[in-house]
Amino acid sequence: MASHHVFTAIELVPLLRERGIDLSASQVHRLVSGTPERLSLQVLSALCAILSCTPADLVAMSRTSAPRGAHPARRMSRP
């Protein structure tokens, strides 16, 4: 962010709004400072455009602990 002269999460609010993303300052702060539970492709795309980067620059994969032998896709319950 700093390399694009964006030093606080609050500064992203109007930049996102220019791209049709209407998030409050607190929502943007949580998005930037924490690990969001979900992130829309529209928001990810806007952040990439603002910061001139790719999704891979913004998203880090982490391993979650699953029961041994469980396949990640199988952990989801089906109706």
PDB file of N, CA and C in Angstrom:
ATOM      1  N   MET A   1       0.830  -1.187   0.000  1.00  0.00           N
ATOM      2  CA  MET A   1       0.000   0.000   0.000  1.00  0.00           C
ATOM      3  C   MET A   1       0.875   1.252   0.000  1.00  0.00           C
ATOM      4  N   ALA A   2       1.903   1.249   0.827  1.00  0.00           N
ATOM      5  CA  ALA A   2       2.741   2.441   0.963  1.00  0.00           C
ATOM      6  C   ALA A   2       3.423   2.801  -0.348  1.00  0.00           C
ATOM      7  N   SER A   3       3.792   1.795  -1.127  1.00  0.00           N
ATOM      8  CA  SER A   3       4.449   2.102  -2.408  1.00  0.00           C
ATOM      9  C   SER A   3       3.510   2.809  -3.384  1.00  0.00           C
ATOM     10  N   HIS A   4       2.201   2.766  -3.091  1.00  0.00           N
ATOM     11  CA  HIS A   4       1.206   3.469  -3.902  1.00  0.00           C
ATOM     12  C   HIS A   4       0.646   4.673  -3.160  1.00  0.00           C
ATOM     13  N   HIS A   5       1.404   5.122  -2.148  1.00  0.00           N
ATOM     14  CA  HIS A   5       1.061   6.310  -1.358  1.00  0.00           C
ATOM     15  C   HIS A   5      -0.286   6.175  -0.659  1.00  0.00           C
ATOM     16  N   VAL A   6      -0.610   4.956  -0.266  1.00  0.00           N
ATOM     17  CA  VAL A   6      -1.800   4.686   0.536  1.00  0.00           C
ATOM     18  C   VAL A   6      -1.266   4.184   1.878  1.00  0.00           C
ATOM     19  N   PHE A   7      -1.396   5.001   2.910  1.00  0.00           N
ATOM     20  CA  PHE A   7      -0.767   4.681   4.181  1.00  0.00           C
ATOM     21  C   PHE A   7      -1.735   4.201   5.255  1.00  0.00           C
ATOM     22  N   THR A   8      -3.031   4.390   5.040  1.00  0.00           N
ATOM     23  CA  THR A   8      -4.019   3.904   5.997  1.00  0.00           C
ATOM     24  C   THR A   8      -5.159   3.236   5.240  1.00  0.00           C
ATOM     25  N   ALA A   9      -5.844   2.368   5.949  1.00  0.00           N
ATOM     26  CA  ALA A   9      -6.992   1.695   5.341  1.00  0.00           C
ATOM     27  C   ALA A   9      -8.070   2.696   4.955  1.00  0.00           C
ATOM     28  N   ILE A  10      -8.211   3.759   5.735  1.00  0.00           N
ATOM     29  CA  ILE A  10      -9.239   4.783   5.480  1.00  0.00           C
ATOM     30  C   ILE A  10      -9.034   5.405   4.096  1.00  0.00           C
ATOM     31  N   GLU A  11      -7.783   5.527   3.668  1.00  0.00           N
ATOM     32  CA  GLU A  11      -7.504   6.123   2.353  1.00  0.00           C
ATOM     33  C   GLU A  11      -8.018   5.259   1.213  1.00  0.00           C
ATOM     34  N   LEU A  12      -8.270   3.988   1.481  1.00  0.00           N
ATOM     35  CA  LEU A  12      -8.796   3.106   0.443  1.00  0.00           C
ATOM     36  C   LEU A  12     -10.284   3.317   0.193  1.00  0.00           C
ATOM     37  N   VAL A  13     -10.998   3.865   1.173  1.00  0.00           N
ATOM     38  CA  VAL A  13     -12.456   4.002   1.053  1.00  0.00           C
ATOM     39  C   VAL A  13     -12.857   4.759  -0.215  1.00  0.00           C
ATOM     40  N   PRO A  14     -12.345   5.985  -0.443  1.00  0.00           N
ATOM     41  CA  PRO A  14     -12.760   6.683  -1.676  1.00  0.00           C
ATOM     42  C   PRO A  14     -12.241   6.017  -2.947  1.00  0.00           C
ATOM     43  N   LEU A  15     -11.081   5.372  -2.867  1.00  0.00           N
ATOM     44  CA  LEU A  15     -10.535   4.688  -4.045  1.00  0.00           C
ATOM     45  C   LEU A  15     -11.397   3.485  -4.417  1.00  0.00           C
ATOM     46  N   LEU A  16     -11.894   2.791  -3.407  1.00  0.00           N
ATOM     47  CA  LEU A  16     -12.821   1.685  -3.668  1.00  0.00           C
ATOM     48  C   LEU A  16     -14.157   2.208  -4.182  1.00  0.00           C
ATOM     49  N   ARG A  17     -14.620   3.312  -3.588  1.00  0.00           N
ATOM     50  CA  ARG A  17     -15.908   3.888  -3.997  1.00  0.00           C
ATOM     51  C   ARG A  17     -15.868   4.298  -5.475  1.00  0.00           C
ATOM     52  N   GLU A  18     -14.726   4.806  -5.938  1.00  0.00           N
ATOM     53  CA  GLU A  18     -14.573   5.170  -7.360  1.00  0.00           C
ATOM     54  C   GLU A  18     -14.782   3.960  -8.265  1.00  0.00           C
ATOM     55  N   ARG A  19     -14.559   2.777  -7.720  1.00  0.00           N
ATOM     56  CA  ARG A  19     -14.688   1.545  -8.494  1.00  0.00           C
ATOM     57  C   ARG A  19     -15.979   0.797  -8.179  1.00  0.00           C
ATOM     58  N   GLY A  20     -16.916   1.491  -7.534  1.00  0.00           N
ATOM     59  CA  GLY A  20     -18.223   0.905  -7.274  1.00  0.00           C
ATOM     60  C   GLY A  20     -18.312   0.042  -6.032  1.00  0.00           C
ATOM     61  N   ILE A  21     -17.311   0.083  -5.175  1.00  0.00           N
ATOM     62  CA  ILE A  21     -17.309  -0.694  -3.944  1.00  0.00           C
ATOM     63  C   ILE A  21     -17.608   0.262  -2.793  1.00  0.00           C
ATOM     64  N   ASP A  22     -18.727   0.076  -2.138  1.00  0.00           N
ATOM     65  CA  ASP A  22     -19.136   0.973  -1.061  1.00  0.00           C
ATOM     66  C   ASP A  22     -18.998   0.265   0.285  1.00  0.00           C
ATOM     67  N   LEU A  23     -17.828   0.404   0.892  1.00  0.00           N
ATOM     68  CA  LEU A  23     -17.560  -0.182   2.196  1.00  0.00           C
ATOM     69  C   LEU A  23     -17.301   0.936   3.192  1.00  0.00           C
ATOM     70  N   SER A  24     -17.691   0.710   4.437  1.00  0.00           N
ATOM     71  CA  SER A  24     -17.429   1.705   5.471  1.00  0.00           C
ATOM     72  C   SER A  24     -15.945   1.676   5.841  1.00  0.00           C
ATOM     73  N   ALA A  25     -15.507   2.710   6.529  1.00  0.00           N
ATOM     74  CA  ALA A  25     -14.112   2.786   6.966  1.00  0.00           C
ATOM     75  C   ALA A  25     -13.771   1.601   7.865  1.00  0.00           C
ATOM     76  N   SER A  26     -14.695   1.211   8.736  1.00  0.00           N
ATOM     77  CA  SER A  26     -14.420   0.083   9.631  1.00  0.00           C
ATOM     78  C   SER A  26     -14.341  -1.234   8.862  1.00  0.00           C
ATOM     79  N   GLN A  27     -15.164  -1.393   7.822  1.00  0.00           N
ATOM     80  CA  GLN A  27     -15.098  -2.606   7.010  1.00  0.00           C
ATOM     81  C   GLN A  27     -13.763  -2.694   6.278  1.00  0.00           C
ATOM     82  N   VAL A  28     -13.308  -1.582   5.734  1.00  0.00           N
ATOM     83  CA  VAL A  28     -12.029  -1.574   5.019  1.00  0.00           C
ATOM     84  C   VAL A  28     -10.891  -1.821   6.006  1.00  0.00           C
ATOM     85  N   HIS A  29     -10.971  -1.230   7.185  1.00  0.00           N
ATOM     86  CA  HIS A  29      -9.936  -1.449   8.196  1.00  0.00           C
ATOM     87  C   HIS A  29      -9.841  -2.929   8.552  1.00  0.00           C
ATOM     88  N   ARG A  30     -10.982  -3.587   8.785  1.00  0.00           N
ATOM     89  CA  ARG A  30     -10.980  -5.020   9.102  1.00  0.00           C
ATOM     90  C   ARG A  30     -10.435  -5.838   7.935  1.00  0.00           C
ATOM     91  N   LEU A  31     -10.758  -5.431   6.728  1.00  0.00           N
ATOM     92  CA  LEU A  31     -10.291  -6.128   5.537  1.00  0.00           C
ATOM     93  C   LEU A  31      -8.770  -6.067   5.436  1.00  0.00           C
ATOM     94  N   VAL A  32      -8.210  -4.900   5.723  1.00  0.00           N
ATOM     95  CA  VAL A  32      -6.766  -4.682   5.590  1.00  0.00           C
ATOM     96  C   VAL A  32      -5.984  -5.229   6.779  1.00  0.00           C
ATOM     97  N   SER A  33      -6.520  -5.076   7.971  1.00  0.00           N
ATOM     98  CA  SER A  33      -5.742  -5.407   9.167  1.00  0.00           C
ATOM     99  C   SER A  33      -5.918  -6.838   9.657  1.00  0.00           C
ATOM    100  N   GLY A  34      -6.940  -7.512   9.185  1.00  0.00           N
ATOM    101  CA  GLY A  34      -7.182  -8.869   9.661  1.00  0.00           C
ATOM    102  C   GLY A  34      -7.238  -9.859   8.518  1.00  0.00           C
ATOM    103  N   THR A  35      -7.763 -11.011   8.825  1.00  0.00           N
ATOM    104  CA  THR A  35      -7.966 -12.045   7.816  1.00  0.00           C
ATOM    105  C   THR A  35      -9.466 -12.154   7.576  1.00  0.00           C
ATOM    106  N   PRO A  36      -9.938 -11.651   6.439  1.00  0.00           N
ATOM    107  CA  PRO A  36     -11.380 -11.690   6.184  1.00  0.00           C
ATOM    108  C   PRO A  36     -11.866 -13.126   6.013  1.00  0.00           C
ATOM    109  N   GLU A  37     -13.084 -13.375   6.486  1.00  0.00           N
ATOM    110  CA  GLU A  37     -13.674 -14.695   6.306  1.00  0.00           C
ATOM    111  C   GLU A  37     -14.031 -14.932   4.847  1.00  0.00           C
ATOM    112  N   ARG A  38     -14.430 -13.866   4.171  1.00  0.00           N
ATOM    113  CA  ARG A  38     -14.732 -13.960   2.744  1.00  0.00           C
ATOM    114  C   ARG A  38     -14.403 -12.631   2.088  1.00  0.00           C
ATOM    115  N   LEU A  39     -14.154 -12.726   0.800  1.00  0.00           N
ATOM    116  CA  LEU A  39     -13.781 -11.545   0.028  1.00  0.00           C
ATOM    117  C   LEU A  39     -14.342 -11.725  -1.371  1.00  0.00           C
ATOM    118  N   SER A  40     -15.158 -10.771  -1.811  1.00  0.00           N
ATOM    119  CA  SER A  40     -15.752 -10.911  -3.143  1.00  0.00           C
ATOM    120  C   SER A  40     -14.693 -10.655  -4.206  1.00  0.00           C
ATOM    121  N   LEU A  41     -14.895 -11.255  -5.355  1.00  0.00           N
ATOM    122  CA  LEU A  41     -13.973 -11.028  -6.466  1.00  0.00           C
ATOM    123  C   LEU A  41     -13.991  -9.572  -6.905  1.00  0.00           C
ATOM    124  N   GLN A  42     -15.131  -8.912  -6.755  1.00  0.00           N
ATOM    125  CA  GLN A  42     -15.235  -7.501  -7.117  1.00  0.00           C
ATOM    126  C   GLN A  42     -14.311  -6.660  -6.228  1.00  0.00           C
ATOM    127  N   VAL A  43     -14.305  -6.918  -4.928  1.00  0.00           N
ATOM    128  CA  VAL A  43     -13.437  -6.177  -4.005  1.00  0.00           C
ATOM    129  C   VAL A  43     -11.983  -6.524  -4.282  1.00  0.00           C
ATOM    130  N   LEU A  44     -11.682  -7.795  -4.471  1.00  0.00           N
ATOM    131  CA  LEU A  44     -10.315  -8.215  -4.775  1.00  0.00           C
ATOM    132  C   LEU A  44      -9.812  -7.556  -6.054  1.00  0.00           C
ATOM    133  N   SER A  45     -10.648  -7.526  -7.065  1.00  0.00           N
ATOM    134  CA  SER A  45     -10.281  -6.899  -8.331  1.00  0.00           C
ATOM    135  C   SER A  45     -10.013  -5.405  -8.156  1.00  0.00           C
ATOM    136  N   ALA A  46     -10.863  -4.730  -7.379  1.00  0.00           N
ATOM    137  CA  ALA A  46     -10.678  -3.292  -7.136  1.00  0.00           C
ATOM    138  C   ALA A  46      -9.385  -3.036  -6.381  1.00  0.00           C
ATOM    139  N   LEU A  47      -9.098  -3.849  -5.367  1.00  0.00           N
ATOM    140  CA  LEU A  47      -7.850  -3.680  -4.616  1.00  0.00           C
ATOM    141  C   LEU A  47      -6.637  -3.896  -5.514  1.00  0.00           C
ATOM    142  N   CYS A  48      -6.710  -4.888  -6.387  1.00  0.00           N
ATOM    143  CA  CYS A  48      -5.612  -5.136  -7.324  1.00  0.00           C
ATOM    144  C   CYS A  48      -5.417  -3.949  -8.269  1.00  0.00           C
ATOM    145  N   ALA A  49      -6.508  -3.365  -8.729  1.00  0.00           N
ATOM    146  CA  ALA A  49      -6.412  -2.198  -9.615  1.00  0.00           C
ATOM    147  C   ALA A  49      -5.806  -1.009  -8.877  1.00  0.00           C
ATOM    148  N   ILE A  50      -6.239  -0.777  -7.647  1.00  0.00           N
ATOM    149  CA  ILE A  50      -5.742   0.348  -6.860  1.00  0.00           C
ATOM    150  C   ILE A  50      -4.262   0.189  -6.574  1.00  0.00           C
ATOM    151  N   LEU A  51      -3.848  -1.023  -6.250  1.00  0.00           N
ATOM    152  CA  LEU A  51      -2.469  -1.265  -5.827  1.00  0.00           C
ATOM    153  C   LEU A  51      -1.572  -1.794  -6.944  1.00  0.00           C
ATOM    154  N   SER A  52      -2.119  -1.876  -8.150  1.00  0.00           N
ATOM    155  CA  SER A  52      -1.359  -2.369  -9.309  1.00  0.00           C
ATOM    156  C   SER A  52      -0.658  -3.692  -8.992  1.00  0.00           C
ATOM    157  N   CYS A  53      -1.450  -4.648  -8.566  1.00  0.00           N
ATOM    158  CA  CYS A  53      -0.877  -5.937  -8.208  1.00  0.00           C
ATOM    159  C   CYS A  53      -1.798  -7.053  -8.676  1.00  0.00           C
ATOM    160  N   THR A  54      -1.430  -8.269  -8.379  1.00  0.00           N
ATOM    161  CA  THR A  54      -2.254  -9.418  -8.730  1.00  0.00           C
ATOM    162  C   THR A  54      -2.886  -9.984  -7.459  1.00  0.00           C
ATOM    163  N   PRO A  55      -3.914 -10.806  -7.593  1.00  0.00           N
ATOM    164  CA  PRO A  55      -4.502 -11.428  -6.401  1.00  0.00           C
ATOM    165  C   PRO A  55      -3.466 -12.209  -5.579  1.00  0.00           C
ATOM    166  N   ALA A  56      -2.515 -12.829  -6.250  1.00  0.00           N
ATOM    167  CA  ALA A  56      -1.483 -13.587  -5.538  1.00  0.00           C
ATOM    168  C   ALA A  56      -0.654 -12.694  -4.611  1.00  0.00           C
ATOM    169  N   ASP A  57      -0.562 -11.412  -4.940  1.00  0.00           N
ATOM    170  CA  ASP A  57       0.166 -10.483  -4.079  1.00  0.00           C
ATOM    171  C   ASP A  57      -0.604 -10.167  -2.804  1.00  0.00           C
ATOM    172  N   LEU A  58      -1.907 -10.359  -2.823  1.00  0.00           N
ATOM    173  CA  LEU A  58      -2.751  -9.989  -1.691  1.00  0.00           C
ATOM    174  C   LEU A  58      -3.253 -11.176  -0.871  1.00  0.00           C
ATOM    175  N   VAL A  59      -3.300 -12.348  -1.471  1.00  0.00           N
ATOM    176  CA  VAL A  59      -3.904 -13.495  -0.813  1.00  0.00           C
ATOM    177  C   VAL A  59      -2.822 -14.507  -0.467  1.00  0.00           C
ATOM    178  N   ALA A  60      -2.779 -14.899   0.789  1.00  0.00           N
ATOM    179  CA  ALA A  60      -1.845 -15.927   1.233  1.00  0.00           C
ATOM    180  C   ALA A  60      -2.639 -17.179   1.568  1.00  0.00           C
ATOM    181  N   MET A  61      -2.173 -18.284   1.084  1.00  0.00           N
ATOM    182  CA  MET A  61      -2.826 -19.552   1.382  1.00  0.00           C
ATOM    183  C   MET A  61      -2.322 -20.043   2.726  1.00  0.00           C
ATOM    184  N   SER A  62      -3.216 -20.626   3.487  1.00  0.00           N
ATOM    185  CA  SER A  62      -2.805 -21.219   4.756  1.00  0.00           C
ATOM    186  C   SER A  62      -3.411 -22.597   4.868  1.00  0.00           C
ATOM    187  N   ARG A  63      -2.716 -23.452   5.556  1.00  0.00           N
ATOM    188  CA  ARG A  63      -3.234 -24.801   5.766  1.00  0.00           C
ATOM    189  C   ARG A  63      -4.122 -24.775   6.981  1.00  0.00           C
ATOM    190  N   THR A  64      -5.289 -25.334   6.826  1.00  0.00           N
ATOM    191  CA  THR A  64      -6.176 -25.472   7.969  1.00  0.00           C
ATOM    192  C   THR A  64      -6.097 -26.914   8.437  1.00  0.00           C
ATOM    193  N   SER A  65      -6.243 -27.108   9.699  1.00  0.00           N
ATOM    194  CA  SER A  65      -6.169 -28.482  10.195  1.00  0.00           C
ATOM    195  C   SER A  65      -7.506 -29.160   9.974  1.00  0.00           C
ATOM    196  N   ALA A  66      -7.471 -30.222   9.240  1.00  0.00           N
ATOM    197  CA  ALA A  66      -8.659 -31.027   8.965  1.00  0.00           C
ATOM    198  C   ALA A  66      -8.477 -32.370   9.648  1.00  0.00           C
ATOM    199  N   PRO A  67      -9.562 -33.037   9.940  1.00  0.00           N
ATOM    200  CA  PRO A  67      -9.423 -34.376  10.509  1.00  0.00           C
ATOM    201  C   PRO A  67      -8.564 -35.240   9.593  1.00  0.00           C
ATOM    202  N   ARG A  68      -7.736 -36.088  10.177  1.00  0.00           N
ATOM    203  CA  ARG A  68      -6.858 -36.917   9.357  1.00  0.00           C
ATOM    204  C   ARG A  68      -7.657 -37.716   8.351  1.00  0.00           C
ATOM    205  N   GLY A  69      -7.160 -37.706   7.133  1.00  0.00           N
ATOM    206  CA  GLY A  69      -7.816 -38.465   6.079  1.00  0.00           C
ATOM    207  C   GLY A  69      -8.980 -37.743   5.423  1.00  0.00           C
ATOM    208  N   ALA A  70      -9.370 -36.605   5.972  1.00  0.00           N
ATOM    209  CA  ALA A  70     -10.510 -35.872   5.392  1.00  0.00           C
ATOM    210  C   ALA A  70     -10.026 -35.034   4.223  1.00  0.00           C
ATOM    211  N   HIS A  71     -10.722 -35.097   3.161  1.00  0.00           N
ATOM    212  CA  HIS A  71     -10.436 -34.271   1.991  1.00  0.00           C
ATOM    213  C   HIS A  71     -11.145 -32.939   2.213  1.00  0.00           C
ATOM    214  N   PRO A  72     -10.500 -31.791   1.924  1.00  0.00           N
ATOM    215  CA  PRO A  72     -11.133 -30.491   2.187  1.00  0.00           C
ATOM    216  C   PRO A  72     -12.534 -30.360   1.595  1.00  0.00           C
ATOM    217  N   ALA A  73     -12.761 -30.885   0.414  1.00  0.00           N
ATOM    218  CA  ALA A  73     -14.077 -30.750  -0.207  1.00  0.00           C
ATOM    219  C   ALA A  73     -15.125 -31.595   0.523  1.00  0.00           C
ATOM    220  N   ARG A  74     -14.684 -32.609   1.198  1.00  0.00           N
ATOM    221  CA  ARG A  74     -15.624 -33.496   1.885  1.00  0.00           C
ATOM    222  C   ARG A  74     -16.029 -32.981   3.252  1.00  0.00           C
ATOM    223  N   ARG A  75     -15.341 -31.959   3.745  1.00  0.00           N
ATOM    224  CA  ARG A  75     -15.670 -31.415   5.056  1.00  0.00           C
ATOM    225  C   ARG A  75     -16.979 -30.643   5.033  1.00  0.00           C
ATOM    226  N   MET A  76     -17.414 -30.231   3.874  1.00  0.00           N
ATOM    227  CA  MET A  76     -18.645 -29.456   3.753  1.00  0.00           C
ATOM    228  C   MET A  76     -19.831 -30.406   3.868  1.00  0.00           C
ATOM    229  N   SER A  77     -20.816 -29.992   4.637  1.00  0.00           N
ATOM    230  CA  SER A  77     -22.001 -30.839   4.752  1.00  0.00           C
ATOM    231  C   SER A  77     -22.925 -30.586   3.572  1.00  0.00           C
ATOM    232  N   ARG A  78     -23.566 -31.611   3.163  1.00  0.00           N
ATOM    233  CA  ARG A  78     -24.509 -31.486   2.047  1.00  0.00           C
ATOM    234  C   ARG A  78     -25.920 -31.582   2.574  1.00  0.00           C
ATOM    235  N   PRO A  79     -26.839 -30.810   1.956  1.00  0.00           N
ATOM    236  CA  PRO A  79     -28.234 -30.831   2.423  1.00  0.00           C
ATOM    237  C   PRO A  79     -28.901 -32.159   2.182  1.00  0.00           C
TER     238      PRO A  79
END
